[in-house]
C-alpha cells in the first residue's frame, strides 16, 4: 500500500537515453510540525517483546497494511535498527557487533536539576571524571532498545484522514 501511492517518473539508470518508468522512491512526506505537536492525536505505546509494526497496526487499526503509518509517525526509516529487536535478534546483533559485549562503551555522570536527573556521556575515558560510571557495550545497546520501545501511535479516529492527506501529498507534482 505504501509505495503504490508514489508517483512514477522517467529514469535513465543506464545513461542510454532510453529512460524507463519507475516509482519515485525518493519522495518523502513528513508530518506537519503543528500536527506532530498535538498530543491529543497520539498515545504513547510500549512495544512488547517480538511485536512488529504489522501486529500493532492490526491490533490498533484492524489492518496490517497500515504498519507504515506507525513507522512514519515515529520517523522510523530503518525498521531493522530503529525498531526494538526480539531477544534472539538482539543477542545475535550484540555478538556480531562487539568482540566484547562487556567492554566499556563510554562513561556517564549524573546531573541533577530540580526534580530532573539526567545522564551525561563523558566519553570513552573517565580521567576527568573519576566518579563516572562505566557503561558496557551491552548496556548501551540495551538502553537504545528501551528507547525504541516507547513509540507514538496515531489515534485510530485520525488514521483515515492521515492516510488521505498522505496520499494527496505523495502524489502531488513538485514540478
N, C-alpha and C. Protein backbone atom coordinates (compact mmCIF):
# COMPACT_ATOMS: atom_id res chain seq x y z
N UNK A 1 0.82 -1.20 0.00
CA UNK A 1 0.00 0.00 0.00
C UNK A 1 0.86 1.26 0.00
N UNK A 2 1.94 1.26 0.75
CA UNK A 2 2.75 2.46 0.93
C UNK A 2 3.31 2.96 -0.40
N UNK A 3 4.02 2.13 -1.14
CA UNK A 3 4.67 2.59 -2.37
C UNK A 3 3.71 2.72 -3.54
N UNK A 4 2.53 2.14 -3.42
CA UNK A 4 1.55 2.22 -4.50
C UNK A 4 1.17 3.67 -4.81
N UNK A 5 1.24 4.53 -3.83
CA UNK A 5 0.83 5.92 -4.00
C UNK A 5 1.95 6.83 -4.52
N UNK A 6 3.15 6.33 -4.57
CA UNK A 6 4.27 7.16 -5.02
C UNK A 6 4.16 7.42 -6.52
N UNK A 7 4.53 8.62 -6.95
CA UNK A 7 4.43 8.94 -8.37
C UNK A 7 5.48 8.19 -9.20
N UNK A 8 5.14 7.98 -10.46
CA UNK A 8 6.09 7.37 -11.40
C UNK A 8 6.88 8.49 -12.08
N UNK A 9 8.14 8.21 -12.39
CA UNK A 9 8.99 9.18 -13.08
C UNK A 9 9.75 8.44 -14.19
N UNK A 10 10.25 9.19 -15.12
CA UNK A 10 11.14 8.63 -16.13
C UNK A 10 12.55 8.67 -15.58
N UNK A 11 13.27 7.55 -15.69
CA UNK A 11 14.62 7.48 -15.14
C UNK A 11 15.51 6.67 -16.07
N UNK A 12 16.64 7.25 -16.40
CA UNK A 12 17.60 6.60 -17.29
C UNK A 12 18.76 6.09 -16.44
N UNK A 13 18.60 4.92 -15.84
CA UNK A 13 19.59 4.36 -14.93
C UNK A 13 20.88 3.98 -15.64
N UNK A 14 20.79 3.65 -16.90
CA UNK A 14 21.96 3.17 -17.63
C UNK A 14 22.63 4.24 -18.48
N UNK A 15 22.03 5.43 -18.54
CA UNK A 15 22.59 6.52 -19.33
C UNK A 15 22.53 6.28 -20.82
N UNK A 16 21.51 5.52 -21.27
CA UNK A 16 21.39 5.17 -22.69
C UNK A 16 20.42 6.07 -23.44
N UNK A 17 19.92 7.10 -22.77
CA UNK A 17 18.90 7.99 -23.32
C UNK A 17 17.63 7.23 -23.68
N UNK A 18 17.42 6.14 -22.94
CA UNK A 18 16.22 5.32 -23.10
C UNK A 18 15.62 5.12 -21.69
N UNK A 19 15.00 6.19 -21.16
CA UNK A 19 14.51 6.10 -19.78
C UNK A 19 13.35 5.11 -19.64
N UNK A 20 13.23 4.59 -18.42
CA UNK A 20 12.13 3.69 -18.09
C UNK A 20 11.26 4.37 -17.05
N UNK A 21 10.02 3.96 -16.99
CA UNK A 21 9.10 4.48 -15.97
C UNK A 21 9.34 3.67 -14.69
N UNK A 22 9.67 4.41 -13.62
CA UNK A 22 9.94 3.78 -12.32
C UNK A 22 9.19 4.54 -11.23
N UNK A 23 9.02 3.87 -10.10
CA UNK A 23 8.41 4.51 -8.94
C UNK A 23 9.43 5.42 -8.29
N UNK A 24 9.04 6.64 -7.99
CA UNK A 24 9.93 7.60 -7.36
C UNK A 24 10.05 7.29 -5.86
N UNK A 25 10.99 6.43 -5.51
CA UNK A 25 11.17 6.01 -4.12
C UNK A 25 11.78 7.10 -3.25
N UNK A 26 12.25 8.17 -3.89
CA UNK A 26 12.87 9.25 -3.13
C UNK A 26 11.85 10.25 -2.59
N UNK A 27 10.60 10.12 -2.98
CA UNK A 27 9.56 11.03 -2.48
C UNK A 27 9.41 10.80 -0.99
N UNK A 28 9.45 11.86 -0.21
CA UNK A 28 9.32 11.76 1.24
C UNK A 28 8.32 12.80 1.70
N UNK A 29 7.42 12.38 2.55
CA UNK A 29 6.42 13.27 3.12
C UNK A 29 6.60 13.22 4.63
N UNK A 30 6.62 14.39 5.25
CA UNK A 30 6.80 14.47 6.70
C UNK A 30 5.53 15.03 7.33
N UNK A 31 5.37 14.75 8.60
CA UNK A 31 4.25 15.32 9.34
C UNK A 31 4.45 16.82 9.49
N UNK A 32 3.36 17.55 9.45
CA UNK A 32 3.46 18.97 9.73
C UNK A 32 3.85 19.15 11.19
N UNK A 33 4.66 20.12 11.47
CA UNK A 33 5.14 20.35 12.83
C UNK A 33 3.98 20.54 13.80
N UNK A 34 2.97 21.30 13.40
CA UNK A 34 1.86 21.55 14.32
C UNK A 34 1.05 20.29 14.58
N UNK A 35 0.99 19.37 13.61
CA UNK A 35 0.28 18.11 13.82
C UNK A 35 1.09 17.22 14.74
N UNK A 36 2.39 17.16 14.53
CA UNK A 36 3.26 16.33 15.34
C UNK A 36 3.21 16.75 16.81
N UNK A 37 2.98 18.02 17.06
CA UNK A 37 2.99 18.54 18.43
C UNK A 37 1.65 18.33 19.15
N UNK A 38 0.62 17.96 18.44
CA UNK A 38 -0.70 17.80 19.05
C UNK A 38 -0.79 16.48 19.82
N UNK A 39 -0.68 16.56 21.13
CA UNK A 39 -0.66 15.36 21.97
C UNK A 39 -1.96 14.57 21.89
N UNK A 40 -3.09 15.24 21.62
CA UNK A 40 -4.36 14.52 21.59
C UNK A 40 -4.53 13.66 20.34
N UNK A 41 -3.62 13.76 19.38
CA UNK A 41 -3.67 12.91 18.19
C UNK A 41 -2.97 11.58 18.43
N UNK A 42 -2.19 11.50 19.49
CA UNK A 42 -1.33 10.34 19.73
C UNK A 42 -1.52 9.77 21.12
N UNK A 43 -1.13 8.52 21.23
CA UNK A 43 -0.96 7.90 22.54
C UNK A 43 0.44 7.29 22.56
N UNK A 44 0.99 7.16 23.74
CA UNK A 44 2.30 6.54 23.88
C UNK A 44 2.07 5.04 24.05
N UNK A 45 2.89 4.27 23.37
CA UNK A 45 2.73 2.82 23.39
C UNK A 45 4.09 2.20 23.66
N UNK A 46 4.09 1.12 24.45
CA UNK A 46 5.31 0.40 24.76
C UNK A 46 5.31 -0.89 23.94
N UNK A 47 6.26 -1.03 23.03
CA UNK A 47 6.34 -2.20 22.16
C UNK A 47 6.79 -3.40 22.99
N UNK A 48 5.99 -4.45 22.96
CA UNK A 48 6.29 -5.66 23.71
C UNK A 48 7.30 -6.52 22.96
N UNK A 49 7.88 -7.48 23.65
CA UNK A 49 8.86 -8.41 23.09
C UNK A 49 8.33 -9.05 21.81
N UNK A 50 9.09 -8.88 20.72
CA UNK A 50 8.76 -9.53 19.45
C UNK A 50 7.62 -8.90 18.67
N UNK A 51 7.04 -7.83 19.17
CA UNK A 51 5.92 -7.18 18.49
C UNK A 51 6.41 -6.45 17.25
N UNK A 52 5.66 -6.55 16.17
CA UNK A 52 6.03 -5.91 14.91
C UNK A 52 5.10 -4.74 14.62
N UNK A 53 5.51 -3.86 13.72
CA UNK A 53 4.61 -2.77 13.33
C UNK A 53 3.31 -3.31 12.73
N UNK A 54 3.40 -4.43 12.00
CA UNK A 54 2.19 -5.03 11.41
C UNK A 54 1.23 -5.50 12.49
N UNK A 55 1.75 -6.15 13.52
CA UNK A 55 0.90 -6.64 14.61
C UNK A 55 0.22 -5.49 15.34
N UNK A 56 0.97 -4.42 15.57
CA UNK A 56 0.39 -3.25 16.26
C UNK A 56 -0.66 -2.58 15.36
N UNK A 57 -0.37 -2.48 14.07
CA UNK A 57 -1.34 -1.87 13.14
C UNK A 57 -2.63 -2.67 13.11
N UNK A 58 -2.51 -3.98 13.13
CA UNK A 58 -3.71 -4.82 13.13
C UNK A 58 -4.48 -4.64 14.44
N UNK A 59 -3.76 -4.65 15.56
CA UNK A 59 -4.39 -4.51 16.87
C UNK A 59 -5.09 -3.15 17.00
N UNK A 60 -4.45 -2.10 16.52
CA UNK A 60 -4.98 -0.75 16.71
C UNK A 60 -5.93 -0.30 15.60
N UNK A 61 -5.55 -0.59 14.35
CA UNK A 61 -6.30 -0.08 13.20
C UNK A 61 -7.09 -1.15 12.46
N UNK A 62 -6.86 -2.43 12.83
CA UNK A 62 -7.57 -3.52 12.16
C UNK A 62 -7.05 -3.81 10.76
N UNK A 63 -5.83 -3.34 10.44
CA UNK A 63 -5.29 -3.52 9.09
C UNK A 63 -3.76 -3.56 9.16
N UNK A 64 -3.18 -4.72 8.85
CA UNK A 64 -1.71 -4.84 8.89
C UNK A 64 -1.04 -3.95 7.87
N UNK A 65 -1.77 -3.62 6.78
CA UNK A 65 -1.18 -2.78 5.72
C UNK A 65 -0.89 -1.35 6.20
N UNK A 66 -1.43 -0.97 7.34
CA UNK A 66 -1.20 0.38 7.87
C UNK A 66 0.02 0.45 8.79
N UNK A 67 0.86 -0.57 8.74
CA UNK A 67 2.08 -0.55 9.55
C UNK A 67 2.96 0.66 9.22
N UNK A 68 2.92 1.11 7.99
CA UNK A 68 3.74 2.25 7.57
C UNK A 68 3.35 3.53 8.30
N UNK A 69 2.08 3.63 8.73
CA UNK A 69 1.63 4.81 9.49
C UNK A 69 2.41 4.88 10.80
N UNK A 70 2.56 3.73 11.44
CA UNK A 70 3.30 3.68 12.71
C UNK A 70 4.75 4.08 12.49
N UNK A 71 5.35 3.56 11.44
CA UNK A 71 6.75 3.89 11.15
C UNK A 71 6.92 5.37 10.81
N UNK A 72 6.01 5.90 9.98
CA UNK A 72 6.10 7.30 9.57
C UNK A 72 5.90 8.25 10.75
N UNK A 73 4.91 7.98 11.57
CA UNK A 73 4.63 8.83 12.73
C UNK A 73 5.82 8.89 13.68
N UNK A 74 6.58 7.80 13.74
CA UNK A 74 7.74 7.74 14.63
C UNK A 74 9.05 8.03 13.93
N UNK A 75 8.96 8.50 12.67
CA UNK A 75 10.13 8.84 11.87
C UNK A 75 11.15 7.69 11.81
N UNK A 76 10.62 6.49 11.66
CA UNK A 76 11.47 5.30 11.55
C UNK A 76 11.72 5.04 10.07
N UNK A 77 12.96 5.18 9.67
CA UNK A 77 13.32 4.93 8.28
C UNK A 77 14.09 3.62 8.11
N UNK A 78 14.57 3.06 9.20
CA UNK A 78 15.29 1.80 9.17
C UNK A 78 14.66 0.86 10.19
N UNK A 79 13.76 0.05 9.71
CA UNK A 79 12.99 -0.83 10.57
C UNK A 79 13.88 -1.83 11.32
N UNK A 80 15.01 -2.17 10.76
CA UNK A 80 15.86 -3.17 11.38
C UNK A 80 16.75 -2.62 12.49
N UNK A 81 17.00 -1.31 12.48
CA UNK A 81 17.86 -0.74 13.51
C UNK A 81 17.18 0.35 14.33
N UNK A 82 15.96 0.76 13.98
CA UNK A 82 15.25 1.77 14.75
C UNK A 82 13.98 1.20 15.39
N UNK A 83 13.79 -0.10 15.31
CA UNK A 83 12.65 -0.78 15.91
C UNK A 83 13.22 -1.77 16.92
N UNK A 84 12.57 -1.95 18.06
CA UNK A 84 13.13 -2.87 19.06
C UNK A 84 13.24 -4.31 18.54
N UNK A 85 14.37 -4.91 18.81
CA UNK A 85 14.63 -6.28 18.36
C UNK A 85 14.08 -7.27 19.38
N UNK A 86 13.77 -8.48 18.90
CA UNK A 86 13.42 -9.55 19.82
C UNK A 86 14.70 -9.96 20.56
N UNK A 87 14.56 -10.68 21.65
CA UNK A 87 15.73 -11.09 22.43
C UNK A 87 16.73 -11.88 21.59
N UNK A 88 16.29 -12.89 20.80
CA UNK A 88 17.27 -13.61 19.98
C UNK A 88 17.94 -12.70 18.94
N UNK A 89 17.18 -11.81 18.31
CA UNK A 89 17.77 -10.87 17.34
C UNK A 89 18.79 -9.98 18.04
N UNK A 90 18.45 -9.50 19.22
CA UNK A 90 19.34 -8.61 19.96
C UNK A 90 20.64 -9.34 20.34
N UNK A 91 20.52 -10.57 20.81
CA UNK A 91 21.71 -11.34 21.18
C UNK A 91 22.62 -11.54 19.96
N UNK A 92 22.03 -11.88 18.81
CA UNK A 92 22.82 -12.04 17.58
C UNK A 92 23.48 -10.73 17.17
N UNK A 93 22.73 -9.64 17.27
CA UNK A 93 23.24 -8.31 16.91
C UNK A 93 24.45 -7.94 17.78
N UNK A 94 24.32 -8.14 19.09
CA UNK A 94 25.41 -7.83 20.02
C UNK A 94 26.64 -8.68 19.70
N UNK A 95 26.42 -9.96 19.46
CA UNK A 95 27.54 -10.88 19.15
C UNK A 95 28.25 -10.48 17.87
N UNK A 96 27.47 -10.04 16.87
CA UNK A 96 28.06 -9.63 15.60
C UNK A 96 28.79 -8.28 15.70
N UNK A 97 28.25 -7.38 16.49
CA UNK A 97 28.78 -6.02 16.53
C UNK A 97 30.00 -5.87 17.44
N UNK A 98 30.02 -6.59 18.56
CA UNK A 98 31.07 -6.38 19.56
C UNK A 98 31.86 -7.67 19.81
N UNK A 99 33.18 -7.53 19.83
CA UNK A 99 34.01 -8.68 20.22
C UNK A 99 33.91 -8.90 21.73
N UNK A 100 33.66 -7.81 22.47
CA UNK A 100 33.49 -7.91 23.93
C UNK A 100 32.25 -7.11 24.34
N UNK A 101 31.09 -7.77 24.44
CA UNK A 101 29.87 -7.07 24.85
C UNK A 101 29.97 -6.41 26.21
N UNK A 102 30.87 -6.93 27.08
CA UNK A 102 31.02 -6.36 28.42
C UNK A 102 32.12 -5.30 28.49
N UNK A 103 32.72 -4.99 27.34
CA UNK A 103 33.72 -3.93 27.29
C UNK A 103 33.07 -2.57 27.50
N UNK A 104 33.87 -1.59 27.91
CA UNK A 104 33.33 -0.25 28.17
C UNK A 104 33.02 0.45 26.86
N UNK A 105 31.79 0.89 26.73
CA UNK A 105 31.37 1.67 25.56
C UNK A 105 31.67 3.14 25.80
N UNK A 106 31.28 3.63 27.00
CA UNK A 106 31.53 5.01 27.39
C UNK A 106 31.31 5.14 28.90
N UNK A 107 31.57 6.34 29.39
CA UNK A 107 31.34 6.63 30.81
C UNK A 107 30.26 7.70 30.92
N UNK A 108 29.52 7.64 32.04
CA UNK A 108 28.44 8.61 32.27
C UNK A 108 28.56 9.20 33.66
N UNK A 109 28.13 10.46 33.75
CA UNK A 109 27.95 11.09 35.05
C UNK A 109 26.48 11.48 35.16
N UNK A 110 26.03 11.63 36.37
CA UNK A 110 24.64 12.00 36.63
C UNK A 110 24.60 13.47 37.02
N UNK A 111 23.64 14.19 36.44
CA UNK A 111 23.48 15.59 36.79
C UNK A 111 22.03 15.81 37.19
N UNK A 112 21.84 16.53 38.30
CA UNK A 112 20.51 16.80 38.79
C UNK A 112 20.20 18.28 38.67
N UNK A 113 18.96 18.55 38.29
CA UNK A 113 18.49 19.93 38.21
C UNK A 113 17.02 19.92 38.62
N UNK A 114 16.76 20.43 39.80
CA UNK A 114 15.39 20.41 40.30
C UNK A 114 14.94 18.97 40.51
N UNK A 115 13.81 18.62 39.90
CA UNK A 115 13.29 17.26 40.03
C UNK A 115 13.84 16.32 38.95
N UNK A 116 14.62 16.84 38.04
CA UNK A 116 15.08 16.05 36.91
C UNK A 116 16.52 15.58 37.10
N UNK A 117 16.75 14.32 36.76
CA UNK A 117 18.10 13.74 36.78
C UNK A 117 18.39 13.24 35.39
N UNK A 118 19.52 13.66 34.84
CA UNK A 118 19.90 13.21 33.51
C UNK A 118 21.30 12.59 33.57
N UNK A 119 21.55 11.72 32.60
CA UNK A 119 22.86 11.09 32.49
C UNK A 119 23.59 11.75 31.32
N UNK A 120 24.87 12.06 31.53
CA UNK A 120 25.67 12.73 30.51
C UNK A 120 26.82 11.82 30.12
N UNK A 121 26.93 11.57 28.83
CA UNK A 121 28.02 10.77 28.27
C UNK A 121 29.27 11.65 28.29
N UNK A 122 30.31 11.20 29.02
CA UNK A 122 31.54 11.99 29.12
C UNK A 122 32.67 11.39 28.29
N UNK A 123 32.35 10.42 27.46
CA UNK A 123 33.35 9.87 26.55
C UNK A 123 33.87 8.51 26.96
N UNK A 124 34.94 8.12 26.29
CA UNK A 124 35.49 6.77 26.48
C UNK A 124 36.57 6.69 27.55
N UNK A 125 36.81 7.80 28.21
CA UNK A 125 37.80 7.82 29.28
C UNK A 125 37.19 8.54 30.48
N UNK A 126 37.50 8.04 31.67
CA UNK A 126 36.97 8.72 32.86
C UNK A 126 38.06 9.46 33.63
N UNK A 127 39.13 9.82 32.96
CA UNK A 127 40.24 10.50 33.65
C UNK A 127 39.81 11.86 34.22
N UNK A 128 38.91 12.54 33.54
CA UNK A 128 38.43 13.84 34.05
C UNK A 128 37.28 13.68 35.03
N UNK A 129 36.67 12.51 35.07
CA UNK A 129 35.51 12.27 35.93
C UNK A 129 35.69 10.92 36.63
N UNK A 130 36.45 10.93 37.71
CA UNK A 130 36.76 9.66 38.39
C UNK A 130 35.52 8.97 38.95
N UNK A 131 34.46 9.73 39.18
CA UNK A 131 33.23 9.12 39.72
C UNK A 131 32.28 8.67 38.61
N UNK A 132 32.70 8.80 37.37
CA UNK A 132 31.84 8.40 36.25
C UNK A 132 31.60 6.89 36.26
N UNK A 133 30.44 6.50 35.80
CA UNK A 133 30.05 5.10 35.74
C UNK A 133 30.35 4.54 34.35
N UNK A 134 30.96 3.37 34.32
CA UNK A 134 31.24 2.71 33.05
C UNK A 134 29.95 2.09 32.51
N UNK A 135 29.67 2.34 31.24
CA UNK A 135 28.52 1.74 30.55
C UNK A 135 29.09 0.75 29.54
N UNK A 136 28.69 -0.50 29.68
CA UNK A 136 29.21 -1.53 28.77
C UNK A 136 28.53 -1.42 27.41
N UNK A 137 29.13 -2.09 26.44
CA UNK A 137 28.53 -2.15 25.10
C UNK A 137 27.11 -2.73 25.18
N UNK A 138 26.97 -3.78 25.97
CA UNK A 138 25.66 -4.41 26.12
C UNK A 138 24.65 -3.43 26.72
N UNK A 139 25.04 -2.72 27.79
CA UNK A 139 24.14 -1.76 28.44
C UNK A 139 23.77 -0.62 27.48
N UNK A 140 24.74 -0.16 26.73
CA UNK A 140 24.48 0.91 25.76
C UNK A 140 23.42 0.48 24.75
N UNK A 141 23.62 -0.69 24.17
CA UNK A 141 22.67 -1.19 23.17
C UNK A 141 21.32 -1.50 23.79
N UNK A 142 21.30 -2.00 25.02
CA UNK A 142 20.03 -2.29 25.70
C UNK A 142 19.27 -0.98 25.96
N UNK A 143 19.99 0.07 26.34
CA UNK A 143 19.34 1.36 26.55
C UNK A 143 18.72 1.89 25.26
N UNK A 144 19.42 1.69 24.13
CA UNK A 144 18.86 2.09 22.84
C UNK A 144 17.57 1.32 22.56
N UNK A 145 17.61 0.01 22.81
CA UNK A 145 16.42 -0.82 22.59
C UNK A 145 15.25 -0.34 23.45
N UNK A 146 15.54 0.01 24.70
CA UNK A 146 14.49 0.51 25.59
C UNK A 146 13.90 1.82 25.06
N UNK A 147 14.75 2.67 24.49
CA UNK A 147 14.28 3.92 23.89
C UNK A 147 13.36 3.63 22.71
N UNK A 148 13.73 2.65 21.89
CA UNK A 148 12.92 2.30 20.72
C UNK A 148 11.57 1.71 21.11
N UNK A 149 11.47 1.13 22.31
CA UNK A 149 10.21 0.50 22.73
C UNK A 149 9.09 1.51 22.98
N UNK A 150 9.43 2.72 23.28
CA UNK A 150 8.41 3.75 23.54
C UNK A 150 8.13 4.49 22.23
N UNK A 151 6.94 4.27 21.67
CA UNK A 151 6.58 4.90 20.40
C UNK A 151 5.28 5.68 20.55
N UNK A 152 5.02 6.51 19.54
CA UNK A 152 3.75 7.23 19.47
C UNK A 152 2.84 6.48 18.50
N UNK A 153 1.57 6.39 18.84
CA UNK A 153 0.59 5.81 17.93
C UNK A 153 -0.48 6.86 17.62
N UNK A 154 -0.74 7.01 16.34
CA UNK A 154 -1.80 7.91 15.92
C UNK A 154 -3.13 7.30 16.36
N UNK A 155 -3.95 8.10 17.01
CA UNK A 155 -5.24 7.60 17.48
C UNK A 155 -6.07 7.11 16.27
N UNK A 156 -6.77 5.98 16.43
CA UNK A 156 -7.50 5.39 15.31
C UNK A 156 -8.48 6.32 14.60
N UNK A 157 -9.11 7.23 15.31
CA UNK A 157 -10.08 8.12 14.67
C UNK A 157 -9.45 9.10 13.68
N UNK A 158 -8.11 9.24 13.72
CA UNK A 158 -7.44 10.16 12.81
C UNK A 158 -6.75 9.46 11.63
N UNK A 159 -6.75 8.14 11.62
CA UNK A 159 -5.99 7.40 10.61
C UNK A 159 -6.52 7.63 9.20
N UNK A 160 -7.83 7.57 9.00
CA UNK A 160 -8.38 7.74 7.65
C UNK A 160 -7.98 9.09 7.06
N UNK A 161 -8.10 10.16 7.85
CA UNK A 161 -7.73 11.50 7.38
C UNK A 161 -6.21 11.58 7.14
N UNK A 162 -5.44 10.98 8.01
CA UNK A 162 -3.98 10.97 7.88
C UNK A 162 -3.57 10.30 6.57
N UNK A 163 -4.13 9.12 6.29
CA UNK A 163 -3.79 8.39 5.07
C UNK A 163 -4.23 9.17 3.84
N UNK A 164 -5.39 9.78 3.91
CA UNK A 164 -5.88 10.57 2.78
C UNK A 164 -4.95 11.75 2.48
N UNK A 165 -4.55 12.46 3.52
CA UNK A 165 -3.65 13.60 3.31
C UNK A 165 -2.28 13.13 2.83
N UNK A 166 -1.80 12.02 3.37
CA UNK A 166 -0.52 11.48 2.93
C UNK A 166 -0.57 11.12 1.44
N UNK A 167 -1.66 10.50 1.00
CA UNK A 167 -1.80 10.15 -0.42
C UNK A 167 -1.77 11.42 -1.28
N UNK A 168 -2.47 12.42 -0.86
CA UNK A 168 -2.50 13.68 -1.60
C UNK A 168 -1.11 14.29 -1.70
N UNK A 169 -0.41 14.38 -0.59
CA UNK A 169 0.92 14.97 -0.58
C UNK A 169 1.92 14.14 -1.38
N UNK A 170 1.80 12.85 -1.31
CA UNK A 170 2.73 11.96 -2.01
C UNK A 170 2.57 12.04 -3.52
N UNK A 171 1.34 12.16 -3.97
CA UNK A 171 1.11 12.15 -5.43
C UNK A 171 1.16 13.54 -6.04
N UNK A 172 1.24 14.59 -5.23
CA UNK A 172 1.33 15.94 -5.78
C UNK A 172 2.58 16.09 -6.62
N UNK A 173 2.46 16.84 -7.69
CA UNK A 173 3.61 17.12 -8.53
C UNK A 173 4.47 18.18 -7.88
N UNK A 174 5.78 18.00 -7.98
CA UNK A 174 6.69 19.01 -7.42
C UNK A 174 7.30 19.85 -8.53
N UNK A 175 6.89 19.60 -9.77
CA UNK A 175 7.44 20.36 -10.91
C UNK A 175 6.64 21.60 -11.14
